[in-house]
Protein backbone atom coordinates (compact mmCIF):
# COMPACT_ATOMS: atom_id res chain seq x y z
CA MET A 1 117.97 84.80 113.28
CA ALA A 2 116.36 86.00 116.51
CA LYS A 3 116.48 89.65 117.46
CA ASN A 4 119.74 90.65 119.15
CA HIS A 5 121.10 87.23 118.14
CA ILE A 6 119.22 85.74 121.10
CA ILE A 7 117.48 82.37 121.18
CA THR A 8 115.39 81.02 124.07
CA GLY A 9 114.23 77.50 124.93
CA LEU A 10 111.23 76.89 127.21
CA ASP A 11 110.43 73.49 128.72
CA ILE A 12 107.03 73.45 130.43
CA GLY A 13 107.25 70.38 132.65
CA SER A 14 104.74 69.00 135.11
CA ARG A 15 107.15 69.63 137.98
CA SER A 16 109.12 72.66 136.84
CA ILE A 17 109.38 75.33 134.17
CA LYS A 18 112.87 75.64 132.69
CA LEU A 19 114.15 78.51 130.54
CA VAL A 20 117.55 78.77 128.89
CA VAL A 21 118.74 81.77 126.87
CA ALA A 22 121.65 81.56 124.41
CA GLN A 23 123.36 84.11 122.22
CA TYR A 24 124.89 83.62 118.78
CA ASP A 25 128.37 84.88 118.00
CA LEU A 26 128.72 87.55 115.32
CA ASP A 27 128.99 84.93 112.55
CA GLY A 28 125.81 83.19 113.72
CA ARG A 29 127.63 79.86 113.98
CA GLU A 30 128.22 79.25 117.68
CA LEU A 31 125.86 79.39 120.63
CA ARG A 32 126.73 80.55 124.12
CA ILE A 33 124.31 80.10 127.01
CA ILE A 34 124.01 83.37 128.90
CA GLY A 35 121.17 82.64 131.30
CA ALA A 36 118.95 79.94 132.78
CA ALA A 37 116.11 79.83 135.28
CA ASP A 38 113.58 77.39 136.65
CA HIS A 39 110.44 77.60 138.73
CA LEU A 40 108.04 75.04 140.19
CA THR A 41 105.05 74.43 137.94
CA LYS A 42 101.47 74.92 138.99
CA GLY A 43 98.45 74.14 136.84
CA ILE A 44 99.78 71.03 135.06
CA VAL A 45 98.84 67.47 136.04
CA ASN A 46 100.21 64.41 134.21
CA GLY A 47 101.47 66.61 131.39
CA ASN A 48 98.07 68.26 130.80
CA ILE A 49 97.26 71.91 131.52
CA ILE A 50 94.35 72.15 133.97
CA SER A 51 94.66 75.84 134.91
CA ILE A 52 95.75 78.51 132.44
CA GLU A 53 96.07 81.10 135.21
CA ASP A 54 98.49 78.95 137.23
CA VAL A 55 100.58 78.03 134.19
CA VAL A 56 100.81 81.67 133.07
CA SER A 57 101.91 82.65 136.58
CA SER A 58 104.56 79.88 136.68
CA ILE A 59 106.02 80.76 133.28
CA SER A 60 105.94 84.49 134.06
CA THR A 61 107.93 83.96 137.25
CA ALA A 62 110.56 81.87 135.45
CA LEU A 63 110.67 84.48 132.69
CA GLU A 64 111.26 87.31 135.16
CA LYS A 65 114.11 85.34 136.72
CA VAL A 66 115.90 84.76 133.43
CA GLU A 67 115.33 88.33 132.21
CA ARG A 68 117.04 89.63 135.34
CA VAL A 69 120.01 87.37 134.59
CA VAL A 70 120.42 88.30 130.90
CA GLY A 71 119.43 91.94 131.32
CA MET A 72 116.97 92.11 128.44
CA PRO A 73 113.35 91.18 127.71
CA ILE A 74 112.58 87.81 126.14
CA GLU A 75 110.41 88.33 123.06
CA GLY A 76 110.19 84.79 121.67
CA ALA A 77 110.89 81.18 122.63
CA ILE A 78 111.06 77.65 121.24
CA ILE A 79 108.53 75.59 123.19
CA GLY A 80 108.84 71.91 124.09
CA ILE A 81 105.61 69.91 123.80
CA SER A 82 105.12 66.51 125.39
CA GLY A 83 102.50 64.35 127.07
CA PRO A 84 100.76 61.02 126.49
CA HIS A 85 98.52 62.72 123.91
CA ILE A 86 101.42 62.85 121.41
CA LYS A 87 101.02 60.34 118.56
CA SER A 88 103.30 59.42 115.66
CA ILE A 89 102.61 57.53 112.42
CA SER A 90 104.50 56.67 109.26
CA SER A 91 103.45 58.30 105.99
CA GLN A 92 104.61 58.34 102.37
CA GLY A 93 104.52 61.10 99.77
CA VAL A 94 104.97 60.90 95.98
CA VAL A 95 105.40 63.67 93.38
CA ALA A 96 106.62 64.03 89.81
CA VAL A 97 109.87 65.93 89.40
CA SER A 98 108.88 69.37 88.14
CA LYS A 99 111.71 70.36 85.79
CA ALA A 100 112.03 69.04 82.24
CA ASP A 101 115.68 68.12 82.78
CA GLY A 102 114.68 65.81 85.65
CA GLU A 103 116.99 67.41 88.21
CA ILE A 104 115.55 67.35 91.71
CA ARG A 105 115.51 70.74 93.38
CA GLU A 106 114.57 72.06 96.81
CA GLU A 107 111.03 72.85 95.66
CA ASP A 108 110.54 69.18 94.65
CA VAL A 109 111.61 68.05 98.13
CA ALA A 110 109.27 70.63 99.69
CA ARG A 111 106.35 69.34 97.58
CA VAL A 112 106.94 65.68 98.37
CA ILE A 113 107.14 66.40 102.10
CA GLU A 114 103.91 68.36 101.81
CA ALA A 115 102.33 65.42 99.97
CA ALA A 116 103.27 63.13 102.87
CA GLN A 117 101.06 65.26 105.13
CA ALA A 118 97.92 64.14 103.28
CA VAL A 119 97.09 61.58 105.96
CA ALA A 120 94.00 60.98 108.03
CA VAL A 121 94.77 63.04 111.12
CA PRO A 122 92.73 61.87 114.14
CA HIS A 123 89.94 64.16 115.32
CA ASN A 124 91.20 67.08 117.45
CA TYR A 125 94.83 66.49 116.49
CA GLU A 126 97.30 68.71 114.62
CA ILE A 127 100.52 67.80 112.84
CA LEU A 128 103.51 68.96 114.85
CA HIS A 129 106.40 67.53 112.80
CA VAL A 130 106.95 65.91 109.42
CA ILE A 131 110.27 64.07 109.70
CA PRO A 132 111.76 62.79 106.43
CA LYS A 133 113.40 59.39 106.89
CA THR A 134 114.43 58.20 103.42
CA TYR A 135 113.77 59.17 99.80
CA LYS A 136 113.32 57.13 96.63
CA VAL A 137 114.14 58.42 93.16
CA ASP A 138 112.52 56.22 90.50
CA ASN A 139 113.84 52.76 91.48
CA GLN A 140 116.73 53.89 93.67
CA GLU A 141 115.90 53.51 97.36
CA ASP A 142 117.35 54.58 100.74
CA ILE A 143 118.47 58.02 99.58
CA LYS A 144 119.28 60.53 102.33
CA ASP A 145 119.38 63.71 100.22
CA PRO A 146 117.92 63.65 96.69
CA ILE A 147 118.71 67.27 95.76
CA GLY A 148 120.81 67.38 92.59
CA MET A 149 119.90 63.84 91.53
CA THR A 150 117.99 63.13 88.30
CA GLY A 151 114.72 61.26 87.98
CA ILE A 152 111.05 61.37 87.06
CA ARG A 153 109.39 60.26 90.31
CA LEU A 154 110.34 61.35 93.85
CA GLU A 155 109.05 59.55 96.94
CA VAL A 156 109.61 60.12 100.65
CA GLU A 157 108.96 58.06 103.75
CA THR A 158 108.26 60.21 106.80
CA GLN A 159 107.42 60.01 110.47
CA ILE A 160 104.56 62.36 111.33
CA VAL A 161 104.23 63.54 114.93
CA MET A 162 100.84 64.88 116.03
CA ALA A 163 99.70 66.71 119.15
CA LEU A 164 96.24 67.12 120.65
CA SER A 165 94.86 70.42 119.35
CA ASN A 166 93.40 71.68 122.61
CA GLN A 167 96.64 71.13 124.56
CA LYS A 168 98.70 72.79 121.82
CA LYS A 169 96.30 75.75 121.59
CA THR A 170 96.21 76.09 125.37
CA ILE A 171 100.00 76.44 125.46
CA GLU A 172 99.77 79.04 122.68
CA LYS A 173 97.11 80.92 124.66
CA CYS A 174 99.37 80.92 127.74
CA MET A 175 102.28 82.36 125.76
CA ASN A 176 100.00 84.97 124.18
CA ARG A 177 98.88 86.05 127.66
CA ILE A 178 102.51 86.46 128.70
CA GLY A 179 103.37 88.41 125.55
CA VAL A 180 106.08 86.06 124.28
CA ASP A 181 106.04 84.86 120.67
CA ILE A 182 106.33 81.15 119.90
CA ASP A 183 109.27 80.81 117.52
CA ASP A 184 108.74 77.06 117.15
CA GLU A 185 107.04 74.10 118.84
CA VAL A 186 109.07 70.92 119.19
CA PHE A 187 108.26 67.44 120.47
CA SER A 188 110.35 67.36 123.64
CA VAL A 189 111.98 63.96 123.18
CA LEU A 190 113.26 65.04 119.75
CA ALA A 191 114.86 68.04 121.43
CA ASP A 192 116.46 65.66 123.93
CA ALA A 193 117.94 63.72 121.02
CA GLU A 194 119.55 66.89 119.69
CA ALA A 195 121.15 67.47 123.08
CA VAL A 196 122.44 64.02 124.01
CA LEU A 197 122.69 61.66 121.00
CA SER A 198 125.63 61.51 118.62
CA ARG A 199 125.38 60.81 114.89
CA GLU A 200 127.19 57.51 115.44
CA GLN A 201 124.65 56.36 118.02
CA LYS A 202 121.78 57.18 115.68
CA GLU A 203 123.47 55.26 112.86
CA LEU A 204 124.10 52.15 114.97
CA GLY A 205 120.67 52.07 116.56
CA VAL A 206 119.79 53.62 119.93
CA ALA A 207 116.83 54.30 122.21
CA LEU A 208 116.66 57.55 124.13
CA ILE A 209 114.52 57.47 127.27
CA ASN A 210 113.66 60.71 129.06
CA ILE A 211 112.20 60.00 132.50
CA GLY A 212 110.34 63.15 133.38
CA SER A 213 108.09 63.91 136.32
CA SER A 214 104.76 62.72 134.91
CA ASN A 215 105.75 61.14 131.57
CA THR A 216 108.53 59.08 130.04
CA GLY A 217 109.45 59.95 126.45
CA ILE A 218 111.03 57.46 124.05
CA ALA A 219 112.77 58.06 120.72
CA VAL A 220 114.33 55.18 118.79
CA TYR A 221 116.84 55.85 115.99
CA GLU A 222 118.33 53.46 113.45
CA ALA A 223 120.44 54.03 110.34
CA GLY A 224 120.61 57.69 111.30
CA GLU A 225 116.84 58.20 111.13
CA LEU A 226 113.98 58.36 113.62
CA LEU A 227 112.27 54.97 113.77
CA HIS A 228 109.73 55.36 116.58
CA THR A 229 108.52 57.71 119.30
CA ALA A 230 106.22 57.26 122.27
CA VAL A 231 105.21 58.98 125.49
CA LEU A 232 104.39 56.76 128.48
CA PRO A 233 101.99 58.13 131.12
CA VAL A 234 104.29 57.40 134.07
CA GLY A 235 107.40 59.14 135.39
CA SER A 236 109.53 59.85 138.42
CA GLY A 237 106.79 61.92 140.04
CA HIS A 238 104.82 58.68 140.45
CA ILE A 239 107.69 57.33 142.57
CA THR A 240 107.40 60.42 144.78
CA ASN A 241 103.63 59.90 145.11
CA ASP A 242 104.12 56.22 145.98
CA LEU A 243 106.67 57.12 148.67
CA ALA A 244 104.38 59.80 150.12
CA ILE A 245 101.56 57.26 150.46
CA GLY A 246 103.76 54.38 151.62
CA LEU A 247 105.67 56.42 154.20
CA ARG A 248 102.64 58.55 155.20
CA THR A 249 104.48 61.78 154.59
CA SER A 250 104.24 64.88 152.42
CA ILE A 251 105.15 65.12 148.73
CA LYS A 252 107.99 67.51 149.60
CA VAL A 253 109.51 65.09 152.12
CA ALA A 254 108.96 62.12 149.79
CA GLU A 255 110.82 63.93 146.98
CA MET A 256 113.83 64.58 149.24
CA ILE A 257 113.87 60.96 150.40
CA LYS A 258 113.66 59.74 146.80
CA MET A 259 116.63 61.80 145.69
CA GLN A 260 118.81 61.19 148.76
CA GLU A 261 117.96 57.71 150.04
CA ALA A 262 116.01 55.68 147.47
CA THR A 263 117.73 53.13 145.23
CA CYS A 264 116.64 50.49 142.74
CA ASN A 265 119.46 48.22 143.89
CA LEU A 266 118.31 46.36 147.00
CA GLU A 267 121.73 44.73 147.35
CA ASP A 268 123.11 48.12 148.41
CA ILE A 269 120.95 48.06 151.54
CA LYS A 270 121.40 46.15 154.77
CA LYS A 271 118.23 44.74 156.35
CA ARG A 272 118.52 46.93 159.44
CA ASP A 273 119.32 50.18 157.63
CA GLU A 274 116.90 52.92 158.63
CA ILE A 275 116.44 56.68 158.23
CA ASP A 276 114.91 59.18 160.61
CA LEU A 277 112.01 61.03 158.96
CA SER A 278 112.64 64.01 161.22
CA LEU A 279 115.83 64.70 159.23
CA PHE A 280 113.57 65.57 156.27
CA ASP A 281 110.51 66.91 158.08
CA ASP A 282 111.10 69.61 160.69
CA THR A 283 107.58 69.12 162.09
CA LEU A 284 108.63 65.75 163.49
CA GLU A 285 110.74 64.93 166.50
CA SER A 286 113.66 62.54 166.32
CA GLY A 287 112.82 59.13 167.74
CA LYS A 288 112.13 55.49 167.12
CA LYS A 289 108.53 56.06 165.98
CA ASN A 290 109.81 58.12 163.04
CA MET A 291 112.39 55.59 161.86
CA ILE A 292 111.74 54.18 158.36
CA SER A 293 113.33 51.11 156.81
CA LYS A 294 115.52 51.82 153.77
CA THR A 295 114.42 48.44 152.40
CA GLU A 296 110.79 49.61 152.40
CA ILE A 297 111.77 52.84 150.62
CA SER A 298 113.64 50.97 147.92
CA HIS A 299 110.95 48.30 147.43
CA ILE A 300 108.46 51.09 146.71
CA THR A 301 110.92 52.81 144.36
CA LYS A 302 111.96 49.65 142.51
CA ALA A 303 108.35 48.60 141.86
CA ARG A 304 107.55 51.83 140.01
CA VAL A 305 110.83 51.83 138.06
CA GLU A 306 110.13 48.25 136.98
CA GLU A 307 106.75 49.41 135.68
CA ILE A 308 108.37 52.18 133.63
CA PHE A 309 110.86 49.79 132.02
CA ASP A 310 108.14 47.15 131.44
CA LEU A 311 106.29 49.76 129.37
CA VAL A 312 109.52 50.65 127.53
CA THR A 313 110.02 46.93 126.81
CA LYS A 314 106.53 46.73 125.24
CA GLU A 315 107.33 49.70 122.99
CA LEU A 316 110.63 48.17 121.83
CA LYS A 317 108.96 44.80 121.20
CA SER A 318 106.23 46.51 119.19
CA ILE A 319 108.87 47.66 116.68
CA GLU A 320 110.95 44.46 116.99
CA ARG A 321 113.96 46.19 118.54
CA PHE A 322 113.98 44.75 122.06
CA GLY A 323 117.55 43.77 122.87
CA MET A 324 118.62 44.68 119.32
CA LEU A 325 119.99 48.24 119.46
CA PRO A 326 123.82 48.15 119.24
CA ALA A 327 124.28 51.62 120.80
CA GLY A 328 121.98 50.61 123.64
CA ILE A 329 119.81 52.81 125.84
CA ILE A 330 120.54 56.42 126.81
CA LEU A 331 118.77 57.71 129.93
CA THR A 332 118.09 61.38 130.51
CA GLY A 333 115.64 63.62 132.37
CA GLY A 334 115.41 64.27 136.09
CA GLY A 335 114.30 60.70 136.83
CA SER A 336 117.51 59.28 135.39
CA LYS A 337 119.39 60.60 138.44
CA LEU A 338 117.77 57.96 140.67
CA LYS A 339 120.32 55.64 142.29
CA GLY A 340 120.59 52.20 140.70
CA ILE A 341 118.38 53.05 137.73
CA VAL A 342 121.07 52.23 135.13
CA GLU A 343 121.53 48.73 136.56
CA GLN A 344 117.76 48.21 136.68
CA ALA A 345 117.43 49.28 133.04
CA LYS A 346 120.19 46.89 131.97
CA GLU A 347 118.47 44.02 133.73
CA GLN A 348 115.05 44.63 132.16
CA LEU A 349 115.94 45.96 128.71
CA LYS A 350 118.78 43.48 127.97
CA LEU A 351 120.98 46.18 126.43
CA PRO A 352 123.90 48.38 127.44
CA VAL A 353 122.57 51.42 129.31
CA PHE A 354 124.27 54.78 129.84
CA LEU A 355 123.42 58.06 131.47
CA ALA A 356 123.25 60.84 128.88
CA LYS A 357 125.78 63.61 128.57
CA ILE A 358 124.54 66.94 127.26
CA GLN A 359 126.53 68.28 124.31
CA LYS A 360 129.12 70.85 125.25
CA ILE A 361 127.89 74.38 124.61
CA GLN A 362 129.73 77.42 125.82
CA SER A 363 127.92 78.50 128.96
CA ILE A 364 128.23 80.79 131.93
CA VAL A 365 125.60 78.70 133.73
CA ASP A 366 126.77 75.40 135.25
CA LYS A 367 123.34 73.97 135.97
CA THR A 368 122.51 73.53 132.28
CA GLU A 369 124.75 70.44 132.36
CA ASP A 370 122.22 68.73 134.65
CA LEU A 371 120.19 66.03 132.87
CA SER A 372 116.93 67.70 133.89
CA TYR A 373 117.95 70.46 131.45
CA SER A 374 118.47 68.16 128.44
CA THR A 375 115.13 69.08 126.85
CA VAL A 376 115.49 72.84 127.11
CA VAL A 377 119.12 72.79 125.89
CA GLY A 378 117.97 70.49 123.09
CA LEU A 379 115.38 73.05 122.03
CA LEU A 380 118.19 75.55 121.44
CA LEU A 381 120.18 72.99 119.46
CA TRP A 382 117.09 71.98 117.45
CA SER A 383 116.61 75.55 116.29
CA HIS A 384 120.32 76.04 115.66
CA ASN A 385 120.77 72.79 113.70
CA ASN A 386 117.57 73.15 111.66
CA GLY A 387 117.93 76.83 110.81
CA GLY A 388 118.06 76.36 107.05
CA PHE A 389 116.18 74.26 104.53
CA ARG A 390 117.96 70.97 103.97
CA SER A 391 116.05 67.93 102.90
CA PRO A 392 117.19 65.23 105.36
CA ILE A 393 116.23 67.10 108.52
CA ASN A 394 113.52 67.07 111.11
CA VAL A 395 110.95 69.62 109.97
CA SER A 396 108.53 71.28 112.35
CA ILE A 397 105.28 72.49 110.85
CA GLY A 398 105.81 76.11 111.87
CA GLY A 399 109.27 76.24 110.42
CA PHE A 400 108.28 74.03 107.49
CA MET A 401 105.49 76.27 106.25
CA SER A 402 107.70 79.36 106.34
CA LYS A 403 110.30 77.46 104.32
CA ILE A 404 107.66 76.33 101.83
CA LYS A 405 106.54 79.94 101.36
CA GLY A 406 110.14 80.98 100.85
CA VAL A 407 110.70 78.33 98.20
CA PHE A 408 107.63 79.26 96.15
CA LYS A 409 108.30 82.98 96.56
CA HIS A 410 111.72 82.33 95.05
CA MET A 411 110.07 80.51 92.10
CA MET A 412 107.75 83.41 91.29
CA PRO A 413 108.86 85.82 88.53
């Protein structure tokens, strides 16, 4: 457990840095959020770090804010990692059960998961997660937890998530410069799943879509296990850019117009509805020349949203799940707050669509219920839920290797 029973999540987004600090109760069972802070990001474009100095400055400012709130220094954090560079593949591992009596123990599960990592990792990539999906003991398939069962041969099917080495190492360099330890590194959309998906939804079959600023993350679950992940190189920030170009205004003004006036549902707008740009830009004077059609705003918005869901459709078709997930689509992330986006998603994805709800955690900070905080809250829940070695869990490489060492240390005389 973290020092002082404190755990911190850090989401380094293209638009903003978000930090949330939680504290365990004395039993180490319950979490209570005691502080949160955010700060606009500099030095990240399309999910990629382009300036270490700017990113360090952005994180440091957010860190100072949250430290003032909680009244103590932050020494370590769980980091969310995302971006179009993330890849995932399926992999299998096979081992012989080690004990003469054939009983499968934790060390056997650890070895078979390690065996599944013997895959051809693309050049300049590192394994971020090894996620066990199902096990097979001799001829018995679809086993969730093989510990305690008896057999000769143990197999596992896993999903392996990989991140580009230079991006991962750059994040680590930034944190080293700040003087904060990395307690774990987690694929952001998996953290989202911890925060907003129920066990029942994962069993039935569900797709989680996080519409961030520069990327859109997808995680598909079925039969309680992760089936597919992807990161699409388009997000709500592209809508802002489109509006800035189309309306000939600044990014700041375009962002305000997007959040307050834009909608994907053109039926909500009358043909003559207009807005005065001077209401959003104090450098302009009120008048007819600064009047903008709401229809134009929403045509620009709808076109980009359609592109996002067209790309989601391609991903679902690639795994033969388009229109075939009983629990439907769950939208989260800052982009999911756009007006009319649920209706647009229903139309294109041919499934029930719902806005996410972040799991209830005791909190003294109201803003952590906002969907833009789903990733950073999910990072806390990821660490909390995966704190001990259990076979049917999502295993991060950092945490996994420490657990492996612990298992073999226990085996030594």
